[in-house]
Each structure stands twice: as C-alpha cells, then as structure tokens.
Amino acid sequence: MAAETEPGEPEKGKPFKLLGILDVENIPCARDSVLYGSLGSVVAGLGHFLFTSKIRRSCDAGVGGFVLVTLGCWFHCRYNYAKQRIQERIAREGIKNKILYESTHLDPERKQTNSNNQAVKQIGVQS
C-alpha cells in the first residue's frame, strides 16, 4: 500500500509534455525557459497595453515577449549547462588520473617533492 500514489500526487510514469513536443521534466532548462517566457509575455503584453491601450498589438507584443524571453533563457541556460558538463568532465578525468598515477614514478606531485627534497639536501650539504 505504501507504493500507491496519493490522490494529489501526479503519476511518476507519465512525463509532462508541452504541446505534445517538449518533455519539460526530462529536458534540462526547458521548465525554467517556459516559465520565464510566460512571465515575459505577461509583462510585455500588459506593459504595451498600459502604454498604448491597443489590445491586438498588446497580444502581439505578449507573443513576441514570450518567444524572445523563452529563447533567451533557453540559450543562456544551455550554454551554462554545456560549460558545466565540460568542467565536470575535466574534473572527472583529473580525478581518474590522480587515482591512476598516485604513488608511481609518473606521479607529477612525486617529482616535485623529490626535486624539492634534493634541493634541500644540496643546500644542507653546502652549508
């Protein structure tokens, strides 16, 4: 009985698709872009209506605001998402190399400490 869903909970197996095309739950940045776009359309349409009192042009401004804000948020978010994935990949490769080369003769940190120890020994011998 614990596995049953509550009456107010949406089902987990059914993804929410916007206009039957855009899977908002599984595509990164889609949800935020659509939400900010809808807010942008309200602001653009209402702002245009308050300045001009033309209903048809205000609706056009609302649609244009939705498209511009949605695309702007989409590209900004996807750029940051791609940049973050690249940084994660670089960090993952660095960790893998650290684990692979630790305590071997190929370890770059070991070479630095050996050269530092030799320099200290040479200074100590010369003094």
N, C-alpha and C. Protein backbone atom coordinates (compact mmCIF):
# COMPACT_ATOMS: atom_id res chain seq x y z
N MET A 1 0.80 -1.19 0.00
CA MET A 1 0.00 0.00 0.00
C MET A 1 0.85 1.26 0.00
N ALA A 2 2.09 1.14 0.47
CA ALA A 2 2.97 2.30 0.51
C ALA A 2 3.39 2.72 -0.90
N ALA A 3 3.35 1.78 -1.84
CA ALA A 3 3.78 2.09 -3.20
C ALA A 3 2.71 2.83 -3.99
N GLU A 4 1.47 2.85 -3.48
CA GLU A 4 0.41 3.54 -4.19
C GLU A 4 0.62 5.05 -4.11
N THR A 5 0.18 5.75 -5.15
CA THR A 5 0.33 7.20 -5.17
C THR A 5 -0.83 7.85 -4.43
N GLU A 6 -0.56 8.98 -3.82
CA GLU A 6 -1.58 9.75 -3.13
C GLU A 6 -2.51 10.36 -4.18
N PRO A 7 -3.74 10.70 -3.80
CA PRO A 7 -4.66 11.30 -4.77
C PRO A 7 -4.17 12.63 -5.34
N GLY A 8 -3.43 13.42 -4.56
CA GLY A 8 -2.94 14.72 -5.03
C GLY A 8 -1.63 14.64 -5.79
N GLU A 9 -0.95 13.49 -5.76
CA GLU A 9 0.36 13.34 -6.40
C GLU A 9 0.20 12.96 -7.87
N PRO A 10 1.01 13.55 -8.76
CA PRO A 10 0.99 13.11 -10.15
C PRO A 10 1.70 11.76 -10.28
N GLU A 11 1.34 11.02 -11.30
CA GLU A 11 1.97 9.73 -11.53
C GLU A 11 3.40 9.92 -12.02
N LYS A 12 4.31 9.06 -11.59
CA LYS A 12 5.72 9.17 -11.95
C LYS A 12 5.99 8.67 -13.36
N GLY A 13 5.21 7.72 -13.86
CA GLY A 13 5.48 7.11 -15.15
C GLY A 13 5.10 7.96 -16.34
N LYS A 14 4.23 8.94 -16.16
CA LYS A 14 3.74 9.74 -17.27
C LYS A 14 4.48 11.07 -17.33
N PRO A 15 5.31 11.29 -18.35
CA PRO A 15 6.01 12.58 -18.44
C PRO A 15 5.07 13.68 -18.91
N PHE A 16 5.34 14.91 -18.45
CA PHE A 16 4.54 16.06 -18.86
C PHE A 16 5.15 16.65 -20.11
N LYS A 17 4.39 16.67 -21.19
CA LYS A 17 4.88 17.23 -22.45
C LYS A 17 4.09 18.48 -22.79
N LEU A 18 4.81 19.54 -23.12
CA LEU A 18 4.20 20.79 -23.50
C LEU A 18 3.90 20.77 -25.00
N LEU A 19 2.64 20.94 -25.36
CA LEU A 19 2.17 20.88 -26.74
C LEU A 19 2.48 19.53 -27.40
N GLY A 20 2.69 18.49 -26.61
CA GLY A 20 2.99 17.18 -27.14
C GLY A 20 4.39 17.03 -27.71
N ILE A 21 5.20 18.06 -27.62
CA ILE A 21 6.53 18.04 -28.22
C ILE A 21 7.63 18.07 -27.17
N LEU A 22 7.58 19.06 -26.30
CA LEU A 22 8.67 19.36 -25.38
C LEU A 22 8.45 18.66 -24.05
N ASP A 23 9.30 17.69 -23.73
CA ASP A 23 9.23 16.98 -22.46
C ASP A 23 9.87 17.86 -21.39
N VAL A 24 9.04 18.58 -20.67
CA VAL A 24 9.52 19.61 -19.75
C VAL A 24 10.26 19.02 -18.57
N GLU A 25 9.90 17.82 -18.13
CA GLU A 25 10.53 17.24 -16.95
C GLU A 25 11.93 16.71 -17.23
N ASN A 26 12.17 16.17 -18.40
CA ASN A 26 13.43 15.49 -18.66
C ASN A 26 14.45 16.31 -19.44
N ILE A 27 14.05 17.38 -20.10
CA ILE A 27 14.99 18.20 -20.85
C ILE A 27 15.51 19.31 -19.95
N PRO A 28 16.84 19.38 -19.77
CA PRO A 28 17.38 20.45 -18.92
C PRO A 28 17.04 21.81 -19.50
N CYS A 29 16.69 22.74 -18.64
CA CYS A 29 16.43 24.14 -18.96
C CYS A 29 15.06 24.39 -19.58
N ALA A 30 14.31 23.36 -19.94
CA ALA A 30 13.02 23.58 -20.60
C ALA A 30 12.00 24.21 -19.66
N ARG A 31 11.93 23.71 -18.46
CA ARG A 31 10.94 24.20 -17.50
C ARG A 31 11.17 25.67 -17.18
N ASP A 32 12.40 26.02 -16.83
CA ASP A 32 12.70 27.41 -16.49
C ASP A 32 12.47 28.34 -17.67
N SER A 33 12.85 27.91 -18.85
CA SER A 33 12.68 28.75 -20.03
C SER A 33 11.21 29.04 -20.31
N VAL A 34 10.37 28.02 -20.20
CA VAL A 34 8.94 28.23 -20.45
C VAL A 34 8.32 29.11 -19.37
N LEU A 35 8.72 28.90 -18.12
CA LEU A 35 8.17 29.73 -17.04
C LEU A 35 8.59 31.19 -17.18
N TYR A 36 9.87 31.43 -17.46
CA TYR A 36 10.32 32.81 -17.65
C TYR A 36 9.71 33.42 -18.91
N GLY A 37 9.51 32.62 -19.94
CA GLY A 37 8.87 33.11 -21.16
C GLY A 37 7.44 33.53 -20.93
N SER A 38 6.70 32.75 -20.13
CA SER A 38 5.31 33.13 -19.84
C SER A 38 5.26 34.40 -19.01
N LEU A 39 6.18 34.55 -18.08
CA LEU A 39 6.25 35.79 -17.30
C LEU A 39 6.61 36.96 -18.21
N GLY A 40 7.53 36.74 -19.14
CA GLY A 40 7.91 37.79 -20.09
C GLY A 40 6.76 38.19 -20.99
N SER A 41 5.93 37.22 -21.37
CA SER A 41 4.78 37.56 -22.23
C SER A 41 3.77 38.40 -21.48
N VAL A 42 3.52 38.08 -20.22
CA VAL A 42 2.58 38.87 -19.42
C VAL A 42 3.11 40.29 -19.25
N VAL A 43 4.38 40.41 -18.92
CA VAL A 43 4.97 41.74 -18.72
C VAL A 43 4.95 42.54 -20.01
N ALA A 44 5.34 41.93 -21.12
CA ALA A 44 5.37 42.66 -22.40
C ALA A 44 3.97 43.04 -22.85
N GLY A 45 3.03 42.12 -22.78
CA GLY A 45 1.67 42.42 -23.21
C GLY A 45 0.99 43.45 -22.34
N LEU A 46 1.10 43.30 -21.03
CA LEU A 46 0.47 44.24 -20.12
C LEU A 46 1.14 45.61 -20.20
N GLY A 47 2.46 45.62 -20.30
CA GLY A 47 3.17 46.90 -20.43
C GLY A 47 2.79 47.63 -21.70
N HIS A 48 2.69 46.90 -22.80
CA HIS A 48 2.29 47.52 -24.07
C HIS A 48 0.86 48.04 -23.99
N PHE A 49 0.00 47.27 -23.34
CA PHE A 49 -1.39 47.71 -23.22
C PHE A 49 -1.51 48.96 -22.36
N LEU A 50 -0.74 49.03 -21.28
CA LEU A 50 -0.81 50.21 -20.41
C LEU A 50 -0.31 51.46 -21.11
N PHE A 51 0.65 51.32 -22.02
CA PHE A 51 1.17 52.49 -22.72
C PHE A 51 0.31 52.90 -23.91
N THR A 52 -0.28 51.93 -24.63
CA THR A 52 -0.96 52.27 -25.88
C THR A 52 -2.46 52.02 -25.87
N SER A 53 -2.97 51.18 -24.99
CA SER A 53 -4.40 50.79 -24.92
C SER A 53 -4.88 50.12 -26.20
N LYS A 54 -3.99 49.50 -26.94
CA LYS A 54 -4.36 48.75 -28.14
C LYS A 54 -4.28 47.26 -27.81
N ILE A 55 -5.43 46.60 -27.84
CA ILE A 55 -5.50 45.21 -27.39
C ILE A 55 -4.79 44.27 -28.36
N ARG A 56 -5.05 44.41 -29.64
CA ARG A 56 -4.45 43.48 -30.61
C ARG A 56 -2.93 43.59 -30.63
N ARG A 57 -2.40 44.79 -30.64
CA ARG A 57 -0.94 44.98 -30.62
C ARG A 57 -0.34 44.49 -29.30
N SER A 58 -1.10 44.62 -28.22
CA SER A 58 -0.60 44.13 -26.93
C SER A 58 -0.48 42.61 -26.92
N CYS A 59 -1.43 41.94 -27.56
CA CYS A 59 -1.34 40.48 -27.69
C CYS A 59 -0.14 40.09 -28.54
N ASP A 60 0.08 40.84 -29.61
CA ASP A 60 1.26 40.58 -30.44
C ASP A 60 2.55 40.79 -29.65
N ALA A 61 2.57 41.85 -28.85
CA ALA A 61 3.75 42.12 -28.02
C ALA A 61 3.94 41.02 -26.98
N GLY A 62 2.83 40.49 -26.46
CA GLY A 62 2.91 39.38 -25.50
C GLY A 62 3.50 38.13 -26.13
N VAL A 63 3.06 37.81 -27.33
CA VAL A 63 3.60 36.64 -28.04
C VAL A 63 5.08 36.85 -28.36
N GLY A 64 5.41 38.04 -28.82
CA GLY A 64 6.81 38.35 -29.11
C GLY A 64 7.67 38.30 -27.85
N GLY A 65 7.13 38.80 -26.75
CA GLY A 65 7.85 38.73 -25.48
C GLY A 65 8.08 37.30 -25.04
N PHE A 66 7.06 36.46 -25.24
CA PHE A 66 7.21 35.04 -24.88
C PHE A 66 8.33 34.40 -25.69
N VAL A 67 8.32 34.62 -26.99
CA VAL A 67 9.31 34.00 -27.86
C VAL A 67 10.72 34.50 -27.51
N LEU A 68 10.87 35.80 -27.36
CA LEU A 68 12.21 36.36 -27.08
C LEU A 68 12.74 35.91 -25.73
N VAL A 69 11.92 35.99 -24.70
CA VAL A 69 12.39 35.62 -23.36
C VAL A 69 12.65 34.12 -23.28
N THR A 70 11.79 33.31 -23.87
CA THR A 70 11.97 31.86 -23.84
C THR A 70 13.27 31.47 -24.55
N LEU A 71 13.49 32.02 -25.74
CA LEU A 71 14.72 31.68 -26.47
C LEU A 71 15.96 32.22 -25.76
N GLY A 72 15.86 33.42 -25.22
CA GLY A 72 17.00 33.98 -24.49
C GLY A 72 17.37 33.15 -23.28
N CYS A 73 16.37 32.77 -22.49
CA CYS A 73 16.63 31.92 -21.32
C CYS A 73 17.12 30.54 -21.73
N TRP A 74 16.57 30.01 -22.81
CA TRP A 74 16.97 28.68 -23.28
C TRP A 74 18.45 28.66 -23.67
N PHE A 75 18.87 29.62 -24.50
CA PHE A 75 20.26 29.63 -24.95
C PHE A 75 21.22 29.93 -23.80
N HIS A 76 20.84 30.82 -22.91
CA HIS A 76 21.70 31.14 -21.76
C HIS A 76 21.86 29.91 -20.86
N CYS A 77 20.77 29.26 -20.57
CA CYS A 77 20.81 28.09 -19.69
C CYS A 77 21.57 26.93 -20.34
N ARG A 78 21.34 26.68 -21.63
CA ARG A 78 22.03 25.58 -22.30
C ARG A 78 23.53 25.84 -22.41
N TYR A 79 23.92 27.11 -22.60
CA TYR A 79 25.34 27.46 -22.64
C TYR A 79 25.98 27.16 -21.29
N ASN A 80 25.34 27.59 -20.21
CA ASN A 80 25.89 27.32 -18.88
C ASN A 80 25.89 25.82 -18.57
N TYR A 81 24.88 25.10 -19.04
CA TYR A 81 24.80 23.66 -18.82
C TYR A 81 25.94 22.94 -19.54
N ALA A 82 26.21 23.35 -20.78
CA ALA A 82 27.31 22.74 -21.54
C ALA A 82 28.66 23.07 -20.90
N LYS A 83 28.82 24.31 -20.43
CA LYS A 83 30.06 24.71 -19.77
C LYS A 83 30.27 23.90 -18.48
N GLN A 84 29.21 23.68 -17.74
CA GLN A 84 29.30 22.90 -16.51
C GLN A 84 29.65 21.44 -16.81
N ARG A 85 29.08 20.88 -17.86
CA ARG A 85 29.39 19.49 -18.22
C ARG A 85 30.85 19.34 -18.63
N ILE A 86 31.39 20.34 -19.33
CA ILE A 86 32.81 20.30 -19.72
C ILE A 86 33.68 20.35 -18.48
N GLN A 87 33.35 21.23 -17.54
CA GLN A 87 34.13 21.32 -16.30
C GLN A 87 34.04 20.03 -15.50
N GLU A 88 32.88 19.40 -15.46
CA GLU A 88 32.73 18.13 -14.76
C GLU A 88 33.57 17.04 -15.41
N ARG A 89 33.59 17.03 -16.75
CA ARG A 89 34.38 16.02 -17.46
C ARG A 89 35.87 16.21 -17.18
N ILE A 90 36.34 17.45 -17.18
CA ILE A 90 37.75 17.72 -16.89
C ILE A 90 38.09 17.29 -15.47
N ALA A 91 37.21 17.61 -14.51
CA ALA A 91 37.45 17.21 -13.13
C ALA A 91 37.44 15.70 -12.99
N ARG A 92 36.52 15.02 -13.68
CA ARG A 92 36.45 13.56 -13.62
C ARG A 92 37.73 12.93 -14.17
N GLU A 93 38.23 13.47 -15.29
CA GLU A 93 39.48 12.95 -15.86
C GLU A 93 40.65 13.21 -14.94
N GLY A 94 40.67 14.38 -14.30
CA GLY A 94 41.74 14.68 -13.35
C GLY A 94 41.74 13.75 -12.16
N ILE A 95 40.56 13.45 -11.64
CA ILE A 95 40.46 12.52 -10.51
C ILE A 95 40.88 11.12 -10.94
N LYS A 96 40.47 10.72 -12.15
CA LYS A 96 40.86 9.40 -12.64
C LYS A 96 42.38 9.30 -12.79
N ASN A 97 43.00 10.36 -13.34
CA ASN A 97 44.45 10.35 -13.49
C ASN A 97 45.16 10.38 -12.14
N LYS A 98 44.60 11.11 -11.19
CA LYS A 98 45.19 11.16 -9.85
C LYS A 98 45.19 9.77 -9.22
N ILE A 99 44.06 9.08 -9.34
CA ILE A 99 43.96 7.73 -8.78
C ILE A 99 44.89 6.78 -9.52
N LEU A 100 44.97 6.93 -10.84
CA LEU A 100 45.77 6.02 -11.66
C LEU A 100 47.27 6.18 -11.41
N TYR A 101 47.75 7.43 -11.31
CA TYR A 101 49.18 7.69 -11.24
C TYR A 101 49.70 7.92 -9.83
N GLU A 102 48.84 7.88 -8.82
CA GLU A 102 49.28 8.14 -7.45
C GLU A 102 50.29 7.08 -7.00
N SER A 103 51.37 7.51 -6.42
CA SER A 103 52.44 6.67 -5.88
C SER A 103 53.18 5.89 -6.95
N THR A 104 53.20 6.35 -8.18
CA THR A 104 54.00 5.73 -9.23
C THR A 104 55.09 6.71 -9.64
N HIS A 105 55.99 6.25 -10.48
CA HIS A 105 57.06 7.14 -10.95
C HIS A 105 56.52 8.19 -11.92
N LEU A 106 55.27 8.03 -12.40
CA LEU A 106 54.66 9.00 -13.31
C LEU A 106 53.88 10.10 -12.57
N ASP A 107 53.82 10.03 -11.24
CA ASP A 107 53.06 10.99 -10.46
C ASP A 107 53.75 12.36 -10.50
N PRO A 108 53.11 13.40 -11.03
CA PRO A 108 53.75 14.71 -11.12
C PRO A 108 54.04 15.32 -9.75
N GLU A 109 53.22 15.04 -8.74
CA GLU A 109 53.48 15.58 -7.41
C GLU A 109 54.71 14.93 -6.79
N ARG A 110 54.92 13.68 -7.08
CA ARG A 110 56.07 12.98 -6.52
C ARG A 110 57.37 13.54 -7.09
N LYS A 111 57.36 13.91 -8.38
CA LYS A 111 58.55 14.51 -8.98
C LYS A 111 58.86 15.86 -8.34
N GLN A 112 57.83 16.63 -8.04
CA GLN A 112 58.04 17.92 -7.41
C GLN A 112 58.61 17.76 -6.02
N THR A 113 58.11 16.83 -5.25
CA THR A 113 58.61 16.66 -3.89
C THR A 113 60.02 16.09 -3.92
N ASN A 114 60.33 15.20 -4.87
CA ASN A 114 61.69 14.67 -4.98
C ASN A 114 62.67 15.77 -5.35
N SER A 115 62.30 16.64 -6.27
CA SER A 115 63.21 17.71 -6.65
C SER A 115 63.37 18.70 -5.51
N ASN A 116 62.31 18.94 -4.74
CA ASN A 116 62.42 19.83 -3.58
C ASN A 116 63.31 19.22 -2.51
N ASN A 117 63.16 17.90 -2.26
CA ASN A 117 63.99 17.22 -1.27
C ASN A 117 65.46 17.25 -1.68
N GLN A 118 65.75 17.05 -2.97
CA GLN A 118 67.13 17.07 -3.44
C GLN A 118 67.71 18.47 -3.31
N ALA A 119 66.91 19.49 -3.56
CA ALA A 119 67.39 20.87 -3.42
C ALA A 119 67.68 21.18 -1.97
N VAL A 120 66.86 20.70 -1.07
CA VAL A 120 67.10 20.92 0.36
C VAL A 120 68.35 20.18 0.79
N LYS A 121 68.54 18.94 0.29
CA LYS A 121 69.73 18.17 0.66
C LYS A 121 70.99 18.85 0.15
N GLN A 122 70.92 19.41 -1.08
CA GLN A 122 72.11 20.07 -1.63
C GLN A 122 72.43 21.32 -0.85
N ILE A 123 71.43 22.06 -0.44
CA ILE A 123 71.67 23.27 0.35
C ILE A 123 72.24 22.89 1.70
N GLY A 124 71.71 21.82 2.29
CA GLY A 124 72.20 21.37 3.60
C GLY A 124 73.64 20.88 3.51
N VAL A 125 74.06 20.25 2.42
CA VAL A 125 75.41 19.75 2.25
C VAL A 125 76.37 20.91 2.04
N GLN A 126 75.97 21.92 1.29
CA GLN A 126 76.85 23.04 1.00
C GLN A 126 77.07 23.91 2.23
N SER A 127 76.13 23.98 3.15
CA SER A 127 76.27 24.87 4.30
C SER A 127 77.30 24.43 5.27
